[in-house]
Amino acid sequence: KIVKHSEISALDTIIEVGPGRGILTDEMMDISKKIIAVEIDKKLAVALCEKYEGRKNITIINEDFLKYNPPLKRKLKFVANLPYCISTAVISKILSLSNWDTAVLMVQKEVANRLRAQPNSPDYSVLSIVCQVRCSVEKLFNVPNTCFNPVPEVTSTVVKLSRLKKPLIKKSNEKFFFNVVRSAFLHRRKTLLNSLSMELKIDKKVLEEQISLAGISPLCRAETVPINGFVKLAEKVAIGRSVGG
């Protein structure tokens, strides 16, 4: 089902994070022109090299994906059952790349909920915004824990991330935008004004004015602000920062 939803063509370059014993790889190897399987475990990587010896379209990389530099001259498609302990870090790395197209990933259900969350939801977070300003997020299906051996205590969800042709923020503005978002969520129980003033060190009166100019109440909390609101907020706060020091 994961491979089917990935809509792999013969021309696609696939990066598989954590191939393990190659169960997904087996399903893709006769479809994709190029599969790069990045496996951190040395024994598994050696076994994969032996298993796929002679397959010119499969490259096994024995490396931590978080330290791996994917090829930049090809459009990439990611397909993976992610290691849950690093799933957020892996997704963040994928989102930061400039040449990816889609990613079909199995993650813990709670992470999938955060990726898709909307304002006023307990799952709405920095991850929700970091993801949705760069791509659309689609829930494909849940995977019950009985599908695994040994049986874990969590439910899994497969999601599809599709990169937006035009991100909601410019690349040059990303760093400050994400700083504003993280600052807003750092003190969830505080008002947006108080949280931002504590973290950004901007004069409170100036900051209050800029938040209002973004069409947002300074007394609201971060989890109520929609993503387009954060985009406007970052633009106005950047002005306030230059005015208020």
C-alpha atoms as a PDB file:
ATOM      1  CA  LYS A   1       0.000   0.000   0.000  1.00  0.00           C
ATOM      2  CA  ILE A   2       2.876   2.373   0.775  1.00  0.00           C
ATOM      3  CA  VAL A   3       4.473   1.748  -2.618  1.00  0.00           C
ATOM      4  CA  LYS A   4       1.134   2.096  -4.412  1.00  0.00           C
ATOM      5  CA  HIS A   5       0.467   5.474  -2.789  1.00  0.00           C
ATOM      6  CA  SER A   6       4.013   6.598  -3.632  1.00  0.00           C
ATOM      7  CA  GLU A   7       3.119   6.474  -7.356  1.00  0.00           C
ATOM      8  CA  ILE A   8       6.677   5.560  -8.293  1.00  0.00           C
ATOM      9  CA  SER A   9       7.677   5.864 -11.925  1.00  0.00           C
ATOM     10  CA  ALA A  10      10.665   4.376 -13.737  1.00  0.00           C
ATOM     11  CA  LEU A  11      12.314   7.814 -13.763  1.00  0.00           C
ATOM     12  CA  ASP A  12      12.086   8.457 -10.031  1.00  0.00           C
ATOM     13  CA  THR A  13      15.071   8.550  -7.714  1.00  0.00           C
ATOM     14  CA  ILE A  14      13.892   7.078  -4.421  1.00  0.00           C
ATOM     15  CA  ILE A  15      15.541   7.566  -1.056  1.00  0.00           C
ATOM     16  CA  GLU A  16      14.526   5.006   1.534  1.00  0.00           C
ATOM     17  CA  VAL A  17      15.416   5.865   5.121  1.00  0.00           C
ATOM     18  CA  GLY A  18      16.009   2.833   7.324  1.00  0.00           C
ATOM     19  CA  PRO A  19      15.356  -0.013   4.855  1.00  0.00           C
ATOM     20  CA  GLY A  20      16.044  -2.670   7.506  1.00  0.00           C
ATOM     21  CA  ARG A  21      15.750  -6.068   5.817  1.00  0.00           C
ATOM     22  CA  GLY A  22      14.581  -4.570   2.533  1.00  0.00           C
ATOM     23  CA  ILE A  23      10.853  -5.327   2.692  1.00  0.00           C
ATOM     24  CA  LEU A  24       9.884  -2.016   1.066  1.00  0.00           C
ATOM     25  CA  THR A  25      12.945  -2.116  -1.172  1.00  0.00           C
ATOM     26  CA  ASP A  26      11.773  -5.437  -2.616  1.00  0.00           C
ATOM     27  CA  GLU A  27       8.496  -3.832  -3.637  1.00  0.00           C
ATOM     28  CA  MET A  28      10.203  -0.880  -5.348  1.00  0.00           C
ATOM     29  CA  MET A  29      13.260  -2.421  -6.974  1.00  0.00           C
ATOM     30  CA  ASP A  30      11.591  -3.400 -10.242  1.00  0.00           C
ATOM     31  CA  ILE A  31       9.843  -0.037 -10.624  1.00  0.00           C
ATOM     32  CA  SER A  32      12.349   2.696  -9.832  1.00  0.00           C
ATOM     33  CA  LYS A  33      15.381   3.522 -11.934  1.00  0.00           C
ATOM     34  CA  LYS A  34      17.377   4.481  -8.829  1.00  0.00           C
ATOM     35  CA  ILE A  35      16.923   3.551  -5.162  1.00  0.00           C
ATOM     36  CA  ILE A  36      19.256   4.913  -2.492  1.00  0.00           C
ATOM     37  CA  ALA A  37      18.716   2.990   0.743  1.00  0.00           C
ATOM     38  CA  VAL A  38      20.286   4.684   3.779  1.00  0.00           C
ATOM     39  CA  GLU A  39      20.754   2.243   6.662  1.00  0.00           C
ATOM     40  CA  ILE A  40      22.588   3.173   9.882  1.00  0.00           C
ATOM     41  CA  ASP A  41      22.981  -0.407  11.158  1.00  0.00           C
ATOM     42  CA  LYS A  42      26.198  -1.924   9.776  1.00  0.00           C
ATOM     43  CA  LYS A  43      25.036  -5.547   9.904  1.00  0.00           C
ATOM     44  CA  LEU A  44      21.797  -4.737   8.115  1.00  0.00           C
ATOM     45  CA  ALA A  45      23.670  -2.662   5.522  1.00  0.00           C
ATOM     46  CA  VAL A  46      26.050  -5.554   4.812  1.00  0.00           C
ATOM     47  CA  ALA A  47      23.108  -7.954   4.492  1.00  0.00           C
ATOM     48  CA  LEU A  48      21.380  -5.553   2.088  1.00  0.00           C
ATOM     49  CA  CYS A  49      24.519  -5.256  -0.038  1.00  0.00           C
ATOM     50  CA  GLU A  50      24.638  -9.049  -0.312  1.00  0.00           C
ATOM     51  CA  LYS A  51      20.903  -9.300  -0.998  1.00  0.00           C
ATOM     52  CA  TYR A  52      20.960  -6.758  -3.815  1.00  0.00           C
ATOM     53  CA  GLU A  53      24.356  -7.628  -5.287  1.00  0.00           C
ATOM     54  CA  GLY A  54      24.174  -7.149  -9.031  1.00  0.00           C
ATOM     55  CA  ARG A  55      21.196  -4.781  -8.873  1.00  0.00           C
ATOM     56  CA  LYS A  56      22.593  -1.678 -10.523  1.00  0.00           C
ATOM     57  CA  ASN A  57      19.583   0.446  -9.604  1.00  0.00           C
ATOM     58  CA  ILE A  58      20.026  -0.045  -5.828  1.00  0.00           C
ATOM     59  CA  THR A  59      22.696   1.718  -3.767  1.00  0.00           C
ATOM     60  CA  ILE A  60      23.108   0.884  -0.090  1.00  0.00           C
ATOM     61  CA  ILE A  61      24.514   3.669   2.093  1.00  0.00           C
ATOM     62  CA  ASN A  62      25.678   2.646   5.580  1.00  0.00           C
ATOM     63  CA  GLU A  63      25.204   6.003   7.291  1.00  0.00           C
ATOM     64  CA  ASP A  64      23.017   7.972   9.655  1.00  0.00           C
ATOM     65  CA  PHE A  65      20.470   9.713   7.411  1.00  0.00           C
ATOM     66  CA  LEU A  66      20.657  12.818   9.595  1.00  0.00           C
ATOM     67  CA  LYS A  67      24.332  13.130   8.606  1.00  0.00           C
ATOM     68  CA  TYR A  68      23.866  11.993   5.000  1.00  0.00           C
ATOM     69  CA  ASN A  69      23.949  14.498   2.133  1.00  0.00           C
ATOM     70  CA  PRO A  70      21.390  13.459  -0.511  1.00  0.00           C
ATOM     71  CA  PRO A  71      22.189  14.147  -4.179  1.00  0.00           C
ATOM     72  CA  LEU A  72      21.209  17.681  -5.148  1.00  0.00           C
ATOM     73  CA  LYS A  73      21.065  17.331  -8.931  1.00  0.00           C
ATOM     74  CA  ARG A  74      18.094  14.959  -8.984  1.00  0.00           C
ATOM     75  CA  LYS A  75      14.474  15.352  -7.971  1.00  0.00           C
ATOM     76  CA  LEU A  76      13.992  13.056  -4.992  1.00  0.00           C
ATOM     77  CA  LYS A  77      11.070  11.036  -3.715  1.00  0.00           C
ATOM     78  CA  PHE A  78      11.206   9.656  -0.181  1.00  0.00           C
ATOM     79  CA  VAL A  79       9.579   6.369   0.781  1.00  0.00           C
ATOM     80  CA  ALA A  80      10.193   4.978   4.250  1.00  0.00           C
ATOM     81  CA  ASN A  81       9.044   3.292   7.414  1.00  0.00           C
ATOM     82  CA  LEU A  82      10.769   5.806   9.637  1.00  0.00           C
ATOM     83  CA  PRO A  83      12.518   4.938  12.900  1.00  0.00           C
ATOM     84  CA  TYR A  84      10.098   6.586  15.327  1.00  0.00           C
ATOM     85  CA  CYS A  85      12.774   7.953  17.656  1.00  0.00           C
ATOM     86  CA  ILE A  86      14.099  10.247  14.899  1.00  0.00           C
ATOM     87  CA  SER A  87      11.020  10.665  12.698  1.00  0.00           C
ATOM     88  CA  THR A  88      10.582  14.393  13.432  1.00  0.00           C
ATOM     89  CA  ALA A  89      14.270  15.086  12.743  1.00  0.00           C
ATOM     90  CA  VAL A  90      14.127  13.113   9.481  1.00  0.00           C
ATOM     91  CA  ILE A  91      11.019  14.965   8.322  1.00  0.00           C
ATOM     92  CA  SER A  92      12.599  18.322   9.182  1.00  0.00           C
ATOM     93  CA  LYS A  93      15.645  17.406   7.097  1.00  0.00           C
ATOM     94  CA  ILE A  94      13.511  16.351   4.128  1.00  0.00           C
ATOM     95  CA  LEU A  95      11.539  19.604   4.313  1.00  0.00           C
ATOM     96  CA  SER A  96      14.759  21.643   4.257  1.00  0.00           C
ATOM     97  CA  LEU A  97      15.902  20.126   0.954  1.00  0.00           C
ATOM     98  CA  SER A  98      15.319  22.048  -2.254  1.00  0.00           C
ATOM     99  CA  ASN A  99      14.929  19.105  -4.643  1.00  0.00           C
ATOM    100  CA  TRP A 100      12.370  16.770  -3.115  1.00  0.00           C
ATOM    101  CA  ASP A 101       8.951  16.172  -4.602  1.00  0.00           C
ATOM    102  CA  THR A 102       6.921  13.837  -2.408  1.00  0.00           C
ATOM    103  CA  ALA A 103       7.466  11.756   0.713  1.00  0.00           C
ATOM    104  CA  VAL A 104       5.335   8.791   1.743  1.00  0.00           C
ATOM    105  CA  LEU A 105       6.264   7.936   5.315  1.00  0.00           C
ATOM    106  CA  MET A 106       5.072   5.679   8.082  1.00  0.00           C
ATOM    107  CA  VAL A 107       5.266   7.460  11.424  1.00  0.00           C
ATOM    108  CA  GLN A 108       3.776   7.166  14.878  1.00  0.00           C
ATOM    109  CA  LYS A 109       0.099   8.168  14.843  1.00  0.00           C
ATOM    110  CA  GLU A 110       0.727  11.061  17.245  1.00  0.00           C
ATOM    111  CA  VAL A 111       3.367  12.519  14.907  1.00  0.00           C
ATOM    112  CA  ALA A 112       0.998  12.212  11.944  1.00  0.00           C
ATOM    113  CA  ASN A 113      -1.639  14.107  13.934  1.00  0.00           C
ATOM    114  CA  ARG A 114       0.842  16.909  14.643  1.00  0.00           C
ATOM    115  CA  LEU A 115       1.870  17.135  10.991  1.00  0.00           C
ATOM    116  CA  ARG A 116      -1.757  17.633   9.916  1.00  0.00           C
ATOM    117  CA  ALA A 117      -3.058  19.625  12.889  1.00  0.00           C
ATOM    118  CA  GLN A 118      -5.036  22.830  12.499  1.00  0.00           C
ATOM    119  CA  PRO A 119      -5.390  25.792  14.912  1.00  0.00           C
ATOM    120  CA  ASN A 120      -7.265  25.234  18.183  1.00  0.00           C
ATOM    121  CA  SER A 121      -6.221  21.600  18.208  1.00  0.00           C
ATOM    122  CA  PRO A 122      -4.060  20.181  21.032  1.00  0.00           C
ATOM    123  CA  ASP A 123      -1.817  18.708  18.311  1.00  0.00           C
ATOM    124  CA  TYR A 124      -1.215  22.076  16.613  1.00  0.00           C
ATOM    125  CA  SER A 125       2.457  22.845  17.129  1.00  0.00           C
ATOM    126  CA  VAL A 126       5.675  24.177  15.635  1.00  0.00           C
ATOM    127  CA  LEU A 127       5.943  20.965  13.590  1.00  0.00           C
ATOM    128  CA  SER A 128       2.470  21.545  12.104  1.00  0.00           C
ATOM    129  CA  ILE A 129       3.499  24.980  10.859  1.00  0.00           C
ATOM    130  CA  VAL A 130       7.039  24.070   9.755  1.00  0.00           C
ATOM    131  CA  CYS A 131       5.523  21.303   7.660  1.00  0.00           C
ATOM    132  CA  GLN A 132       2.457  23.031   6.233  1.00  0.00           C
ATOM    133  CA  VAL A 133       4.228  26.183   5.026  1.00  0.00           C
ATOM    134  CA  ARG A 134       6.276  23.910   2.745  1.00  0.00           C
ATOM    135  CA  CYS A 135       3.968  21.075   1.773  1.00  0.00           C
ATOM    136  CA  SER A 136       0.483  19.618   1.869  1.00  0.00           C
ATOM    137  CA  VAL A 137      -0.082  16.729   4.262  1.00  0.00           C
ATOM    138  CA  GLU A 138      -2.424  13.838   3.533  1.00  0.00           C
ATOM    139  CA  LYS A 139      -3.249  10.992   5.876  1.00  0.00           C
ATOM    140  CA  LEU A 140      -3.288   7.772   3.849  1.00  0.00           C
ATOM    141  CA  PHE A 141      -4.094   5.022   6.364  1.00  0.00           C
ATOM    142  CA  ASN A 142      -3.444   3.728   9.854  1.00  0.00           C
ATOM    143  CA  VAL A 143      -1.351   0.630  10.493  1.00  0.00           C
ATOM    144  CA  PRO A 144      -2.431  -1.351  13.587  1.00  0.00           C
ATOM    145  CA  ASN A 145       0.254  -2.572  15.959  1.00  0.00           C
ATOM    146  CA  THR A 146      -0.696  -6.184  15.181  1.00  0.00           C
ATOM    147  CA  CYS A 147       1.079  -5.776  11.827  1.00  0.00           C
ATOM    148  CA  PHE A 148       4.429  -5.744  13.643  1.00  0.00           C
ATOM    149  CA  ASN A 149       6.539  -8.338  15.390  1.00  0.00           C
ATOM    150  CA  PRO A 150       7.185  -7.769  18.198  1.00  0.00           C
ATOM    151  CA  VAL A 151       3.903  -5.912  18.730  1.00  0.00           C
ATOM    152  CA  PRO A 152       4.557  -2.272  19.755  1.00  0.00           C
ATOM    153  CA  GLU A 153       2.327  -0.252  22.056  1.00  0.00           C
ATOM    154  CA  VAL A 154       1.668   2.433  19.434  1.00  0.00           C
ATOM    155  CA  THR A 155      -0.443   2.745  16.308  1.00  0.00           C
ATOM    156  CA  SER A 156       1.258   3.871  13.107  1.00  0.00           C
ATOM    157  CA  THR A 157       0.009   6.125  10.325  1.00  0.00           C
ATOM    158  CA  VAL A 158       1.193   6.489   6.750  1.00  0.00           C
ATOM    159  CA  VAL A 159       1.198  10.076   5.487  1.00  0.00           C
ATOM    160  CA  LYS A 160       2.003  11.681   2.164  1.00  0.00           C
ATOM    161  CA  LEU A 161       3.836  15.006   2.053  1.00  0.00           C
ATOM    162  CA  SER A 162       3.626  16.840  -1.273  1.00  0.00           C
ATOM    163  CA  ARG A 163       5.912  19.811  -1.688  1.00  0.00           C
ATOM    164  CA  LEU A 164       4.141  23.068  -2.506  1.00  0.00           C
ATOM    165  CA  LYS A 165       5.155  24.601  -5.826  1.00  0.00           C
ATOM    166  CA  LYS A 166       5.281  27.931  -4.030  1.00  0.00           C
ATOM    167  CA  PRO A 167       6.022  27.758  -0.273  1.00  0.00           C
ATOM    168  CA  LEU A 168       4.068  30.136   1.954  1.00  0.00           C
ATOM    169  CA  ILE A 169       7.305  31.855   2.990  1.00  0.00           C
ATOM    170  CA  LYS A 170      10.394  32.845   1.055  1.00  0.00           C
ATOM    171  CA  LYS A 171      13.602  30.920   1.623  1.00  0.00           C
ATOM    172  CA  SER A 172      15.354  34.116   2.729  1.00  0.00           C
ATOM    173  CA  ASN A 173      12.717  34.682   5.428  1.00  0.00           C
ATOM    174  CA  GLU A 174      12.591  31.114   6.782  1.00  0.00           C
ATOM    175  CA  LYS A 175      15.027  31.512   9.652  1.00  0.00           C
ATOM    176  CA  PHE A 176      13.251  34.498  11.199  1.00  0.00           C
ATOM    177  CA  PHE A 177       9.792  33.052  10.509  1.00  0.00           C
ATOM    178  CA  PHE A 178      10.583  29.815  12.325  1.00  0.00           C
ATOM    179  CA  ASN A 179      12.168  31.779  15.171  1.00  0.00           C
ATOM    180  CA  VAL A 180       8.903  33.697  15.609  1.00  0.00           C
ATOM    181  CA  VAL A 181       6.845  30.486  15.508  1.00  0.00           C
ATOM    182  CA  ARG A 182       9.064  28.681  18.016  1.00  0.00           C
ATOM    183  CA  SER A 183       9.056  31.702  20.306  1.00  0.00           C
ATOM    184  CA  ALA A 184       5.268  31.884  20.176  1.00  0.00           C
ATOM    185  CA  PHE A 185       4.855  28.234  21.181  1.00  0.00           C
ATOM    186  CA  LEU A 186       7.619  28.155  23.766  1.00  0.00           C
ATOM    187  CA  HIS A 187       5.287  29.442  26.482  1.00  0.00           C
ATOM    188  CA  ARG A 188       1.930  27.958  25.451  1.00  0.00           C
ATOM    189  CA  ARG A 189       0.078  29.203  28.524  1.00  0.00           C
ATOM    190  CA  LYS A 190       1.172  32.789  28.021  1.00  0.00           C
ATOM    191  CA  THR A 191      -0.359  35.271  25.617  1.00  0.00           C
ATOM    192  CA  LEU A 192       1.245  35.710  22.217  1.00  0.00           C
ATOM    193  CA  LEU A 193       2.465  39.158  23.250  1.00  0.00           C
ATOM    194  CA  ASN A 194       4.146  37.964  26.426  1.00  0.00           C
ATOM    195  CA  SER A 195       5.705  34.884  24.845  1.00  0.00           C
ATOM    196  CA  LEU A 196       7.159  36.800  21.906  1.00  0.00           C
ATOM    197  CA  SER A 197       8.390  39.686  24.022  1.00  0.00           C
ATOM    198  CA  MET A 198      10.201  37.270  26.352  1.00  0.00           C
ATOM    199  CA  GLU A 199      11.994  35.456  23.520  1.00  0.00           C
ATOM    200  CA  LEU A 200      12.526  38.097  20.825  1.00  0.00           C
ATOM    201  CA  LYS A 201      13.582  40.939  23.127  1.00  0.00           C
ATOM    202  CA  ILE A 202      11.485  43.517  21.291  1.00  0.00           C
ATOM    203  CA  ASP A 203       9.948  46.518  23.033  1.00  0.00           C
ATOM    204  CA  LYS A 204       6.556  45.345  24.249  1.00  0.00           C
ATOM    205  CA  LYS A 205       4.603  48.372  23.053  1.00  0.00           C
ATOM    206  CA  VAL A 206       6.138  48.147  19.582  1.00  0.00           C
ATOM    207  CA  LEU A 207       5.489  44.406  19.493  1.00  0.00           C
ATOM    208  CA  GLU A 208       1.865  44.835  20.568  1.00  0.00           C
ATOM    209  CA  GLU A 209       1.302  47.264  17.719  1.00  0.00           C
ATOM    210  CA  GLN A 210       2.866  44.956  15.129  1.00  0.00           C
ATOM    211  CA  ILE A 211       0.821  41.962  16.295  1.00  0.00           C
ATOM    212  CA  SER A 212      -2.348  44.028  15.975  1.00  0.00           C
ATOM    213  CA  LEU A 213      -1.310  45.191  12.497  1.00  0.00           C
ATOM    214  CA  ALA A 214      -1.087  41.508  11.514  1.00  0.00           C
ATOM    215  CA  GLY A 215      -4.783  41.219  12.364  1.00  0.00           C
ATOM    216  CA  ILE A 216      -4.140  39.145  15.491  1.00  0.00           C
ATOM    217  CA  SER A 217      -5.087  39.836  19.088  1.00  0.00           C
ATOM    218  CA  PRO A 218      -1.946  40.290  21.224  1.00  0.00           C
ATOM    219  CA  LEU A 219      -3.829  38.549  24.042  1.00  0.00           C
ATOM    220  CA  CYS A 220      -4.489  35.316  22.131  1.00  0.00           C
ATOM    221  CA  ARG A 221      -2.352  32.193  22.448  1.00  0.00           C
ATOM    222  CA  ALA A 222      -0.158  30.642  19.779  1.00  0.00           C
ATOM    223  CA  GLU A 223      -2.357  27.582  19.220  1.00  0.00           C
ATOM    224  CA  THR A 224      -5.218  29.794  17.980  1.00  0.00           C
ATOM    225  CA  VAL A 225      -3.211  31.549  15.238  1.00  0.00           C
ATOM    226  CA  PRO A 226      -3.603  30.078  11.717  1.00  0.00           C
ATOM    227  CA  ILE A 227      -0.565  29.567   9.525  1.00  0.00           C
ATOM    228  CA  ASN A 228      -1.315  32.529   7.257  1.00  0.00           C
ATOM    229  CA  GLY A 229      -1.605  34.568  10.458  1.00  0.00           C
ATOM    230  CA  PHE A 230       1.912  33.540  11.453  1.00  0.00           C
ATOM    231  CA  VAL A 231       3.148  34.534   7.982  1.00  0.00           C
ATOM    232  CA  LYS A 232       1.700  38.047   8.422  1.00  0.00           C
ATOM    233  CA  LEU A 233       2.884  38.161  12.017  1.00  0.00           C
ATOM    234  CA  ALA A 234       6.494  37.412  11.088  1.00  0.00           C
ATOM    235  CA  GLU A 235       6.413  40.168   8.456  1.00  0.00           C
ATOM    236  CA  LYS A 236       5.127  42.728  10.967  1.00  0.00           C
ATOM    237  CA  VAL A 237       7.397  41.584  13.795  1.00  0.00           C
ATOM    238  CA  ALA A 238      10.402  41.970  11.497  1.00  0.00           C
ATOM    239  CA  ILE A 239       9.402  45.614  11.110  1.00  0.00           C
ATOM    240  CA  GLY A 240       8.899  45.956  14.858  1.00  0.00           C
ATOM    241  CA  ARG A 241      12.317  44.462  15.516  1.00  0.00           C
ATOM    242  CA  SER A 242      13.993  47.082  13.358  1.00  0.00           C
ATOM    243  CA  VAL A 243      12.000  49.840  15.062  1.00  0.00           C
ATOM    244  CA  GLY A 244      12.228  48.581  18.632  1.00  0.00           C
ATOM    245  CA  GLY A 245      15.775  47.300  18.616  1.00  0.00           C
END
